[in-house]
Amino acid sequence: MLPGGGHNERQMQQMMRRLGMKTENVDGVEEVIVRTRDKEHVFQAPEVTILTVQGVRTYQVVGQPVIRARTSAPAVAASPGAVMAPPAPAGPPEEDIQLVMEQAGVEREDAVAALEKVNGEPAEAILRLLSRRDAGGR
């Protein structure tokens, strides 16, 4: 409801079009999971709407989440006879490793080591590698 009251759905749609806004319902959503560092917010059968404003898409999730602690185990149990994928290797994401290698001009091993030293922060790893190189080290 907008201030001023008395807006009907048709007026609301016209006003949104004038402002360059578009909404789109996403049908058939079964589950949405929002993962934080230590928790998961799991929405079962939520209402999901995409709001597009000047080309930027924002997703709105409406529902009551179940909040649970994150574990290293998969959240969804496999069906009997299903083949599970091997666990993801530990360490920094491949995209971060490649970024550090390209930006700092170092080998993979150096990029991984630098990322591990700075808790996976690519920008910090690049800065440390570049400052080390500028100081005459490798």
N, C-alpha and C. Protein backbone atom coordinates (compact mmCIF):
# COMPACT_ATOMS: atom_id res chain seq x y z
N MET A 1 0.84 -1.18 0.00
CA MET A 1 0.00 0.00 0.00
C MET A 1 0.88 1.24 0.00
N LEU A 2 0.58 2.17 -0.83
CA LEU A 2 1.36 3.40 -0.91
C LEU A 2 0.69 4.50 -0.10
N PRO A 3 1.48 5.48 0.31
CA PRO A 3 0.90 6.63 1.03
C PRO A 3 -0.17 7.30 0.17
N GLY A 4 -1.15 7.84 0.82
CA GLY A 4 -2.21 8.51 0.08
C GLY A 4 -3.43 7.63 -0.06
N GLY A 5 -3.24 6.31 0.12
CA GLY A 5 -4.35 5.36 0.09
C GLY A 5 -5.13 5.38 -1.21
N GLY A 6 -6.10 4.47 -1.32
CA GLY A 6 -7.03 4.48 -2.43
C GLY A 6 -6.48 4.06 -3.77
N HIS A 7 -5.28 3.47 -3.85
CA HIS A 7 -4.75 3.02 -5.14
C HIS A 7 -5.29 1.63 -5.44
N ASN A 8 -5.77 1.46 -6.64
CA ASN A 8 -6.20 0.13 -7.03
C ASN A 8 -5.06 -0.54 -7.82
N GLU A 9 -5.21 -1.80 -8.09
CA GLU A 9 -4.17 -2.59 -8.76
C GLU A 9 -3.81 -2.01 -10.13
N ARG A 10 -4.81 -1.58 -10.89
CA ARG A 10 -4.57 -1.03 -12.23
C ARG A 10 -3.74 0.25 -12.15
N GLN A 11 -4.09 1.13 -11.22
CA GLN A 11 -3.32 2.36 -11.04
C GLN A 11 -1.89 2.05 -10.62
N MET A 12 -1.74 1.07 -9.76
CA MET A 12 -0.42 0.68 -9.28
C MET A 12 0.43 0.20 -10.47
N GLN A 13 -0.12 -0.64 -11.32
CA GLN A 13 0.61 -1.14 -12.48
C GLN A 13 1.01 0.00 -13.42
N GLN A 14 0.11 0.94 -13.66
CA GLN A 14 0.41 2.08 -14.52
C GLN A 14 1.54 2.92 -13.93
N MET A 15 1.48 3.17 -12.65
CA MET A 15 2.52 3.96 -12.00
C MET A 15 3.88 3.24 -12.07
N MET A 16 3.87 1.94 -11.88
CA MET A 16 5.13 1.18 -11.95
C MET A 16 5.71 1.24 -13.36
N ARG A 17 4.85 1.13 -14.38
CA ARG A 17 5.33 1.21 -15.77
C ARG A 17 5.95 2.58 -16.05
N ARG A 18 5.31 3.63 -15.55
CA ARG A 18 5.86 4.98 -15.75
C ARG A 18 7.23 5.12 -15.09
N LEU A 19 7.44 4.44 -13.98
CA LEU A 19 8.72 4.51 -13.27
C LEU A 19 9.75 3.50 -13.81
N GLY A 20 9.36 2.74 -14.83
CA GLY A 20 10.29 1.77 -15.40
C GLY A 20 10.43 0.51 -14.57
N MET A 21 9.40 0.18 -13.83
CA MET A 21 9.43 -1.00 -12.97
C MET A 21 8.56 -2.10 -13.58
N LYS A 22 9.03 -3.33 -13.42
CA LYS A 22 8.27 -4.47 -13.93
C LYS A 22 8.35 -5.59 -12.91
N THR A 23 7.22 -6.24 -12.63
CA THR A 23 7.22 -7.38 -11.71
C THR A 23 6.85 -8.64 -12.48
N GLU A 24 7.38 -9.74 -11.99
CA GLU A 24 7.13 -11.03 -12.63
C GLU A 24 7.09 -12.09 -11.54
N ASN A 25 6.00 -12.84 -11.45
CA ASN A 25 5.91 -13.92 -10.49
C ASN A 25 6.65 -15.14 -11.02
N VAL A 26 7.33 -15.86 -10.15
CA VAL A 26 8.01 -17.09 -10.52
C VAL A 26 7.14 -18.23 -10.01
N ASP A 27 6.56 -18.99 -10.93
CA ASP A 27 5.65 -20.07 -10.56
C ASP A 27 6.40 -21.37 -10.30
N GLY A 28 5.83 -22.19 -9.43
CA GLY A 28 6.34 -23.53 -9.20
C GLY A 28 7.60 -23.61 -8.34
N VAL A 29 7.89 -22.59 -7.57
CA VAL A 29 9.08 -22.61 -6.72
C VAL A 29 8.85 -23.60 -5.59
N GLU A 30 9.76 -24.55 -5.44
CA GLU A 30 9.63 -25.56 -4.40
C GLU A 30 10.39 -25.18 -3.14
N GLU A 31 11.57 -24.54 -3.32
CA GLU A 31 12.40 -24.25 -2.16
C GLU A 31 13.39 -23.14 -2.50
N VAL A 32 13.67 -22.27 -1.52
CA VAL A 32 14.71 -21.26 -1.65
C VAL A 32 15.57 -21.37 -0.40
N ILE A 33 16.89 -21.40 -0.59
CA ILE A 33 17.81 -21.48 0.54
C ILE A 33 18.72 -20.27 0.49
N VAL A 34 18.79 -19.56 1.61
CA VAL A 34 19.71 -18.44 1.76
C VAL A 34 20.78 -18.90 2.74
N ARG A 35 22.02 -19.00 2.26
CA ARG A 35 23.10 -19.50 3.10
C ARG A 35 23.98 -18.35 3.57
N THR A 36 24.19 -18.31 4.87
CA THR A 36 25.15 -17.38 5.44
C THR A 36 26.33 -18.22 5.90
N ARG A 37 27.31 -17.58 6.49
CA ARG A 37 28.50 -18.31 6.91
C ARG A 37 28.18 -19.47 7.85
N ASP A 38 27.20 -19.28 8.75
CA ASP A 38 26.95 -20.34 9.74
C ASP A 38 25.50 -20.81 9.82
N LYS A 39 24.61 -20.26 8.97
CA LYS A 39 23.20 -20.67 9.01
C LYS A 39 22.63 -20.83 7.61
N GLU A 40 21.51 -21.54 7.54
CA GLU A 40 20.73 -21.64 6.32
C GLU A 40 19.30 -21.22 6.64
N HIS A 41 18.74 -20.37 5.79
CA HIS A 41 17.34 -19.98 5.91
C HIS A 41 16.64 -20.71 4.77
N VAL A 42 15.82 -21.70 5.10
CA VAL A 42 15.19 -22.56 4.10
C VAL A 42 13.70 -22.21 4.02
N PHE A 43 13.28 -21.76 2.84
CA PHE A 43 11.88 -21.42 2.58
C PHE A 43 11.28 -22.56 1.75
N GLN A 44 10.26 -23.22 2.26
CA GLN A 44 9.56 -24.27 1.53
C GLN A 44 8.35 -23.65 0.84
N ALA A 45 8.21 -23.85 -0.46
CA ALA A 45 7.09 -23.35 -1.27
C ALA A 45 6.84 -21.86 -1.06
N PRO A 46 7.87 -21.02 -1.21
CA PRO A 46 7.66 -19.58 -1.02
C PRO A 46 7.05 -18.94 -2.26
N GLU A 47 6.53 -17.74 -2.09
CA GLU A 47 6.13 -16.91 -3.22
C GLU A 47 7.37 -16.12 -3.64
N VAL A 48 7.74 -16.20 -4.91
CA VAL A 48 8.91 -15.48 -5.40
C VAL A 48 8.49 -14.53 -6.51
N THR A 49 8.92 -13.28 -6.36
CA THR A 49 8.61 -12.25 -7.35
C THR A 49 9.92 -11.60 -7.78
N ILE A 50 10.05 -11.36 -9.08
CA ILE A 50 11.22 -10.65 -9.60
C ILE A 50 10.78 -9.22 -9.91
N LEU A 51 11.47 -8.26 -9.33
CA LEU A 51 11.21 -6.84 -9.59
C LEU A 51 12.36 -6.32 -10.43
N THR A 52 12.07 -5.81 -11.62
CA THR A 52 13.09 -5.25 -12.49
C THR A 52 12.91 -3.75 -12.53
N VAL A 53 13.97 -3.03 -12.12
CA VAL A 53 13.96 -1.57 -12.12
C VAL A 53 15.21 -1.12 -12.87
N GLN A 54 15.03 -0.47 -14.00
CA GLN A 54 16.12 0.02 -14.82
C GLN A 54 17.15 -1.06 -15.10
N GLY A 55 16.68 -2.26 -15.41
CA GLY A 55 17.56 -3.36 -15.79
C GLY A 55 18.13 -4.16 -14.63
N VAL A 56 17.90 -3.74 -13.40
CA VAL A 56 18.41 -4.46 -12.23
C VAL A 56 17.29 -5.33 -11.69
N ARG A 57 17.59 -6.64 -11.59
CA ARG A 57 16.59 -7.59 -11.12
C ARG A 57 16.78 -7.86 -9.63
N THR A 58 15.69 -7.73 -8.87
CA THR A 58 15.69 -8.00 -7.45
C THR A 58 14.67 -9.09 -7.18
N TYR A 59 15.08 -10.10 -6.42
CA TYR A 59 14.19 -11.21 -6.11
C TYR A 59 13.60 -11.00 -4.72
N GLN A 60 12.28 -11.13 -4.64
CA GLN A 60 11.58 -11.02 -3.36
C GLN A 60 11.06 -12.41 -3.02
N VAL A 61 11.42 -12.90 -1.83
CA VAL A 61 11.00 -14.21 -1.37
C VAL A 61 10.07 -14.00 -0.18
N VAL A 62 8.85 -14.53 -0.28
CA VAL A 62 7.88 -14.37 0.80
C VAL A 62 7.52 -15.75 1.32
N GLY A 63 7.70 -15.95 2.61
CA GLY A 63 7.37 -17.22 3.24
C GLY A 63 8.00 -17.27 4.62
N GLN A 64 7.76 -18.33 5.33
CA GLN A 64 8.30 -18.50 6.68
C GLN A 64 9.49 -19.45 6.60
N PRO A 65 10.72 -18.96 6.87
CA PRO A 65 11.88 -19.84 6.75
C PRO A 65 12.07 -20.71 7.99
N VAL A 66 12.71 -21.85 7.74
CA VAL A 66 13.24 -22.67 8.83
C VAL A 66 14.72 -22.31 8.88
N ILE A 67 15.18 -21.86 10.03
CA ILE A 67 16.58 -21.46 10.17
C ILE A 67 17.32 -22.58 10.87
N ARG A 68 18.41 -23.03 10.24
CA ARG A 68 19.19 -24.12 10.81
C ARG A 68 20.67 -23.82 10.65
N ALA A 69 21.46 -24.45 11.50
CA ALA A 69 22.91 -24.28 11.42
C ALA A 69 23.42 -24.98 10.17
N ARG A 70 24.44 -24.41 9.55
CA ARG A 70 25.06 -25.05 8.38
C ARG A 70 25.94 -26.19 8.82
N THR A 71 25.93 -27.23 8.04
CA THR A 71 26.80 -28.37 8.30
C THR A 71 27.57 -28.67 7.03
N SER A 72 28.58 -29.49 7.15
CA SER A 72 29.34 -29.86 5.95
C SER A 72 28.63 -30.94 5.16
N ALA A 73 27.62 -31.58 5.76
CA ALA A 73 26.87 -32.62 5.07
C ALA A 73 25.87 -31.99 4.11
N PRO A 74 25.53 -32.68 3.01
CA PRO A 74 24.54 -32.15 2.08
C PRO A 74 23.20 -31.97 2.78
N ALA A 75 22.48 -30.91 2.43
CA ALA A 75 21.20 -30.61 3.06
C ALA A 75 20.10 -31.54 2.58
N VAL A 76 20.23 -32.11 1.37
CA VAL A 76 19.20 -32.95 0.79
C VAL A 76 19.69 -34.39 0.79
N ALA A 77 18.89 -35.28 1.33
CA ALA A 77 19.26 -36.69 1.35
C ALA A 77 19.12 -37.27 -0.04
N ALA A 78 20.07 -38.11 -0.42
CA ALA A 78 20.04 -38.74 -1.74
C ALA A 78 19.01 -39.86 -1.75
N SER A 79 18.39 -40.06 -2.89
CA SER A 79 17.45 -41.16 -3.02
C SER A 79 18.23 -42.47 -3.10
N PRO A 80 17.61 -43.57 -2.71
CA PRO A 80 18.32 -44.86 -2.75
C PRO A 80 18.84 -45.15 -4.16
N GLY A 81 20.08 -45.58 -4.24
CA GLY A 81 20.69 -45.92 -5.52
C GLY A 81 21.28 -44.74 -6.26
N ALA A 82 21.13 -43.53 -5.72
CA ALA A 82 21.68 -42.35 -6.38
C ALA A 82 23.18 -42.30 -6.19
N VAL A 83 23.87 -41.79 -7.19
CA VAL A 83 25.32 -41.65 -7.11
C VAL A 83 25.62 -40.24 -6.64
N MET A 84 26.32 -40.14 -5.52
CA MET A 84 26.65 -38.84 -4.97
C MET A 84 27.92 -38.31 -5.62
N ALA A 85 27.96 -37.03 -5.87
CA ALA A 85 29.16 -36.39 -6.41
C ALA A 85 30.21 -36.34 -5.30
N PRO A 86 31.49 -36.43 -5.66
CA PRO A 86 32.52 -36.33 -4.64
C PRO A 86 32.49 -34.96 -3.99
N PRO A 87 32.90 -34.87 -2.73
CA PRO A 87 32.88 -33.58 -2.07
C PRO A 87 33.81 -32.60 -2.76
N ALA A 88 33.44 -31.33 -2.68
CA ALA A 88 34.26 -30.28 -3.30
C ALA A 88 35.61 -30.21 -2.58
N PRO A 89 36.68 -29.99 -3.32
CA PRO A 89 37.98 -29.91 -2.67
C PRO A 89 38.05 -28.70 -1.75
N ALA A 90 38.79 -28.88 -0.67
CA ALA A 90 38.95 -27.79 0.29
C ALA A 90 39.86 -26.74 -0.32
N GLY A 91 39.74 -25.52 0.17
CA GLY A 91 40.61 -24.46 -0.33
C GLY A 91 39.83 -23.38 -1.02
N PRO A 92 40.54 -22.38 -1.52
CA PRO A 92 39.88 -21.24 -2.15
C PRO A 92 39.16 -21.63 -3.44
N PRO A 93 38.11 -20.90 -3.80
CA PRO A 93 37.41 -21.16 -5.07
C PRO A 93 38.34 -20.94 -6.27
N GLU A 94 38.13 -21.71 -7.30
CA GLU A 94 38.96 -21.66 -8.50
C GLU A 94 38.97 -20.25 -9.11
N GLU A 95 37.81 -19.57 -9.09
CA GLU A 95 37.74 -18.23 -9.67
C GLU A 95 38.70 -17.28 -8.94
N ASP A 96 38.77 -17.41 -7.61
CA ASP A 96 39.66 -16.56 -6.82
C ASP A 96 41.12 -16.86 -7.13
N ILE A 97 41.44 -18.14 -7.26
CA ILE A 97 42.81 -18.54 -7.58
C ILE A 97 43.22 -17.95 -8.92
N GLN A 98 42.35 -18.09 -9.93
CA GLN A 98 42.66 -17.57 -11.26
C GLN A 98 42.83 -16.05 -11.24
N LEU A 99 41.97 -15.37 -10.50
CA LEU A 99 42.06 -13.91 -10.40
C LEU A 99 43.39 -13.49 -9.80
N VAL A 100 43.78 -14.13 -8.71
CA VAL A 100 45.04 -13.78 -8.06
C VAL A 100 46.21 -14.08 -8.99
N MET A 101 46.17 -15.23 -9.68
CA MET A 101 47.26 -15.59 -10.61
C MET A 101 47.40 -14.52 -11.69
N GLU A 102 46.27 -14.11 -12.28
CA GLU A 102 46.30 -13.13 -13.38
C GLU A 102 46.75 -11.75 -12.90
N GLN A 103 46.16 -11.29 -11.80
CA GLN A 103 46.43 -9.93 -11.35
C GLN A 103 47.81 -9.76 -10.74
N ALA A 104 48.30 -10.80 -10.04
CA ALA A 104 49.60 -10.69 -9.38
C ALA A 104 50.72 -11.29 -10.21
N GLY A 105 50.36 -12.00 -11.29
CA GLY A 105 51.38 -12.60 -12.16
C GLY A 105 52.18 -13.68 -11.46
N VAL A 106 51.48 -14.55 -10.71
CA VAL A 106 52.17 -15.61 -9.97
C VAL A 106 51.68 -16.98 -10.41
N GLU A 107 52.40 -18.00 -9.98
CA GLU A 107 52.01 -19.38 -10.25
C GLU A 107 50.86 -19.77 -9.33
N ARG A 108 50.19 -20.85 -9.67
CA ARG A 108 49.04 -21.35 -8.93
C ARG A 108 49.37 -21.57 -7.44
N GLU A 109 50.48 -22.22 -7.16
CA GLU A 109 50.85 -22.54 -5.77
C GLU A 109 50.98 -21.26 -4.94
N ASP A 110 51.59 -20.23 -5.53
CA ASP A 110 51.75 -18.96 -4.81
C ASP A 110 50.39 -18.30 -4.57
N ALA A 111 49.50 -18.37 -5.56
CA ALA A 111 48.17 -17.77 -5.42
C ALA A 111 47.38 -18.47 -4.31
N VAL A 112 47.42 -19.81 -4.30
CA VAL A 112 46.69 -20.57 -3.28
C VAL A 112 47.25 -20.25 -1.90
N ALA A 113 48.57 -20.23 -1.77
CA ALA A 113 49.19 -19.94 -0.47
C ALA A 113 48.82 -18.55 0.01
N ALA A 114 48.83 -17.57 -0.89
CA ALA A 114 48.49 -16.20 -0.51
C ALA A 114 47.03 -16.11 -0.07
N LEU A 115 46.13 -16.78 -0.79
CA LEU A 115 44.72 -16.76 -0.42
C LEU A 115 44.50 -17.42 0.94
N GLU A 116 45.20 -18.49 1.21
CA GLU A 116 45.05 -19.16 2.50
C GLU A 116 45.55 -18.28 3.64
N LYS A 117 46.60 -17.51 3.40
CA LYS A 117 47.15 -16.63 4.45
C LYS A 117 46.20 -15.49 4.81
N VAL A 118 45.36 -15.08 3.85
CA VAL A 118 44.46 -13.93 4.09
C VAL A 118 42.99 -14.36 4.17
N ASN A 119 42.77 -15.60 4.57
CA ASN A 119 41.41 -16.13 4.75
C ASN A 119 40.54 -16.01 3.51
N GLY A 120 41.14 -16.22 2.34
CA GLY A 120 40.38 -16.27 1.10
C GLY A 120 39.98 -14.94 0.50
N GLU A 121 40.60 -13.85 0.92
CA GLU A 121 40.27 -12.53 0.37
C GLU A 121 41.17 -12.24 -0.83
N PRO A 122 40.64 -12.33 -2.06
CA PRO A 122 41.47 -12.17 -3.26
C PRO A 122 42.19 -10.82 -3.33
N ALA A 123 41.51 -9.73 -3.01
CA ALA A 123 42.14 -8.41 -3.11
C ALA A 123 43.33 -8.31 -2.17
N GLU A 124 43.17 -8.80 -0.96
CA GLU A 124 44.26 -8.77 0.02
C GLU A 124 45.43 -9.65 -0.45
N ALA A 125 45.12 -10.81 -1.02
CA ALA A 125 46.17 -11.70 -1.51
C ALA A 125 46.95 -11.04 -2.64
N ILE A 126 46.25 -10.37 -3.55
CA ILE A 126 46.91 -9.69 -4.67
C ILE A 126 47.81 -8.58 -4.15
N LEU A 127 47.30 -7.78 -3.22
CA LEU A 127 48.10 -6.69 -2.67
C LEU A 127 49.36 -7.22 -1.99
N ARG A 128 49.23 -8.27 -1.22
CA ARG A 128 50.40 -8.83 -0.54
C ARG A 128 51.43 -9.37 -1.54
N LEU A 129 50.95 -10.05 -2.58
CA LEU A 129 51.88 -10.59 -3.57
C LEU A 129 52.57 -9.48 -4.32
N LEU A 130 51.80 -8.45 -4.71
CA LEU A 130 52.42 -7.34 -5.45
C LEU A 130 53.41 -6.57 -4.59
N SER A 131 53.08 -6.36 -3.32
CA SER A 131 54.01 -5.63 -2.45
C SER A 131 55.27 -6.45 -2.19
N ARG A 132 55.12 -7.78 -2.13
CA ARG A 132 56.28 -8.66 -1.94
C ARG A 132 57.19 -8.58 -3.18
N ARG A 133 56.53 -8.58 -4.35
CA ARG A 133 57.30 -8.51 -5.61
C ARG A 133 58.02 -7.16 -5.71
N ASP A 134 57.31 -6.10 -5.36
CA ASP A 134 57.92 -4.76 -5.42
C ASP A 134 59.09 -4.62 -4.45
N ALA A 135 59.05 -5.38 -3.35
CA ALA A 135 60.12 -5.32 -2.36
C ALA A 135 61.32 -6.18 -2.78
N GLY A 136 61.21 -6.85 -3.92
CA GLY A 136 62.33 -7.64 -4.44
C GLY A 136 62.23 -9.12 -4.15
N GLY A 137 61.18 -9.56 -3.45
CA GLY A 137 61.01 -10.99 -3.17
C GLY A 137 60.23 -11.66 -4.26
N ARG A 138 60.06 -12.96 -4.16
CA ARG A 138 59.23 -13.67 -5.12
C ARG A 138 58.06 -14.28 -4.48
